[in-house]
Protein backbone atom coordinates (compact mmCIF):
# COMPACT_ATOMS: atom_id res chain seq x y z
CA MET A 1 17.21 -11.30 29.81
CA THR A 2 13.65 -11.77 30.58
CA SER A 3 12.00 -13.88 28.78
CA GLN A 4 9.14 -12.32 26.48
CA ILE A 5 6.88 -15.62 26.50
CA CYS A 6 3.80 -15.86 28.41
CA THR A 7 3.99 -18.10 30.71
CA CYS A 8 0.55 -17.76 32.51
CA ASN A 9 -2.22 -20.40 32.04
CA VAL A 10 -5.46 -17.85 32.44
CA ILE A 11 -7.59 -16.62 29.68
CA HIS A 12 -8.88 -13.59 30.84
CA ALA A 13 -12.40 -13.93 29.49
CA ASP A 14 -13.53 -10.35 28.97
CA VAL A 15 -10.73 -9.35 26.73
CA VAL A 16 -11.70 -12.53 24.56
CA GLU A 17 -15.05 -11.44 24.62
CA ARG A 18 -14.14 -8.41 22.90
CA VAL A 19 -11.75 -8.77 20.91
CA GLN A 20 -13.59 -11.51 18.85
CA LYS A 21 -16.78 -8.78 19.10
CA GLU A 22 -14.84 -6.52 17.27
CA LYS A 23 -12.06 -8.18 14.48
CA ALA A 24 -13.24 -7.83 11.03
CA VAL A 25 -14.33 -11.08 8.63
CA ALA A 26 -11.37 -13.33 7.49
CA ASP A 27 -12.42 -11.93 3.63
CA ASP A 28 -11.42 -8.37 5.33
CA TYR A 29 -7.55 -8.86 6.46
CA SER A 30 -6.75 -11.09 3.35
CA ASN A 31 -8.04 -8.16 1.68
CA LEU A 32 -5.50 -5.58 3.64
CA ALA A 33 -3.14 -8.16 3.75
CA ASN A 34 -3.42 -8.18 -0.49
CA LEU A 35 -3.12 -4.51 -0.21
CA TYR A 36 0.46 -3.35 1.58
CA LYS A 37 1.56 -6.60 -0.67
CA CYS A 38 1.79 -3.37 -3.15
CA PHE A 39 3.67 -1.07 -0.71
CA ALA A 40 6.25 -4.18 -0.55
CA ASP A 41 7.58 -3.73 -3.25
CA SER A 42 9.65 -0.71 -3.84
CA THR A 43 9.11 -0.13 -8.15
CA ARG A 44 5.57 0.38 -7.31
CA VAL A 45 6.31 2.74 -4.56
CA GLN A 46 8.28 4.61 -5.44
CA ILE A 47 5.75 4.84 -8.82
CA LEU A 48 3.30 5.76 -5.89
CA HIS A 49 5.08 8.71 -5.14
CA ALA A 50 5.98 9.59 -7.88
CA LEU A 51 2.57 9.86 -8.32
CA GLU A 52 1.38 11.23 -5.29
CA ILE A 53 3.44 14.19 -6.41
CA SER A 54 1.75 14.77 -9.73
CA GLU A 55 -0.88 12.90 -12.87
CA LEU A 56 1.58 11.10 -15.08
CA CYS A 57 1.69 8.77 -17.83
CA VAL A 58 3.68 5.49 -18.27
CA CYS A 59 6.48 7.28 -20.67
CA ASP A 60 6.88 9.65 -17.41
CA ILE A 61 7.42 7.44 -15.29
CA ALA A 62 9.53 5.17 -16.69
CA ALA A 63 12.05 8.37 -17.75
CA ILE A 64 11.60 8.73 -13.57
CA LEU A 65 12.51 5.67 -12.27
CA GLU A 66 15.42 4.90 -15.25
CA MET A 67 12.97 1.45 -16.56
CA THR A 68 11.11 -0.08 -19.61
CA LYS A 69 7.45 1.25 -19.75
CA SER A 70 7.44 -3.14 -20.20
CA ALA A 71 8.22 -2.96 -16.38
CA ILE A 72 6.30 0.11 -15.80
CA SER A 73 3.21 -1.15 -17.35
CA HIS A 74 3.55 -4.55 -15.07
CA GLN A 75 3.47 -2.56 -12.04
CA LEU A 76 0.27 -0.39 -12.83
CA LYS A 77 -1.77 -2.76 -13.83
CA MET A 78 -1.12 -4.13 -10.07
CA LEU A 79 -1.95 -1.19 -8.68
CA ARG A 80 -4.64 -0.80 -10.74
CA GLU A 81 -6.36 -4.78 -10.19
CA ALA A 82 -5.69 -3.01 -6.02
CA ASN A 83 -7.45 0.51 -6.98
CA LEU A 84 -4.07 2.08 -5.70
CA VAL A 85 -4.26 3.94 -8.75
CA THR A 86 -6.74 5.23 -10.97
CA THR A 87 -6.58 6.78 -14.71
CA ARG A 88 -7.46 9.48 -17.43
CA ARG A 89 -7.76 8.87 -21.13
CA VAL A 90 -6.30 12.20 -22.68
CA GLY A 91 -7.12 11.00 -26.65
CA LYS A 92 -4.15 8.47 -26.70
CA ILE A 93 -2.36 9.09 -23.87
CA VAL A 94 -2.98 7.24 -20.49
CA PHE A 95 -2.47 9.25 -16.98
CA TYR A 96 -2.18 7.87 -13.42
CA SER A 97 -3.16 9.19 -10.26
CA LEU A 98 -3.26 8.63 -6.48
CA ALA A 99 -6.83 6.40 -6.79
CA ASP A 100 -7.77 8.39 -3.83
CA ASP A 101 -6.28 10.20 -0.58
CA HIS A 102 -5.61 6.78 1.28
CA VAL A 103 -3.17 6.00 -0.28
CA LYS A 104 -1.53 9.27 -0.17
CA GLN A 105 -2.47 9.19 3.49
CA ILE A 106 -0.64 5.73 3.84
CA LEU A 107 1.86 6.72 2.11
CA ASP A 108 2.45 9.57 4.10
CA MET A 109 2.46 7.90 7.36
CA GLY A 110 4.54 4.58 5.66
CA PHE A 111 7.06 7.33 5.88
CA ASP A 112 6.81 9.47 8.85
CA HIS A 113 7.76 6.08 10.40
CA VAL A 114 10.72 5.25 8.13
CA ASN A 115 11.92 8.51 8.85
CA GLU A 116 11.37 8.59 12.74
CA LYS A 117 14.67 9.40 15.22
CA GLU A 118 14.86 6.40 17.60
């Protein structure tokens, strides 16, 4: 097996300079990492996928995932704080939906990737 470790000591200055000019600011990397943390929990991903299919209230989500309303509410709080879901109130009922089409695209691309044939 060949080693995947670079053994040269050459700095490709033109490439390094181009990447340094085009890279994002540190806060953007931190914010992106925090966004992906929300996708690191299967319960939150299931909630997002359910919301991709339809707008739902906490009771609906709890029934679909067979979990308590309290557990679902906890996860929805995290998703709201990450701006992944939004709410709409009708009387006493709060309906949740995906915040925008970007969230749907992230989910769809993720499912496409995990379902790829080798």
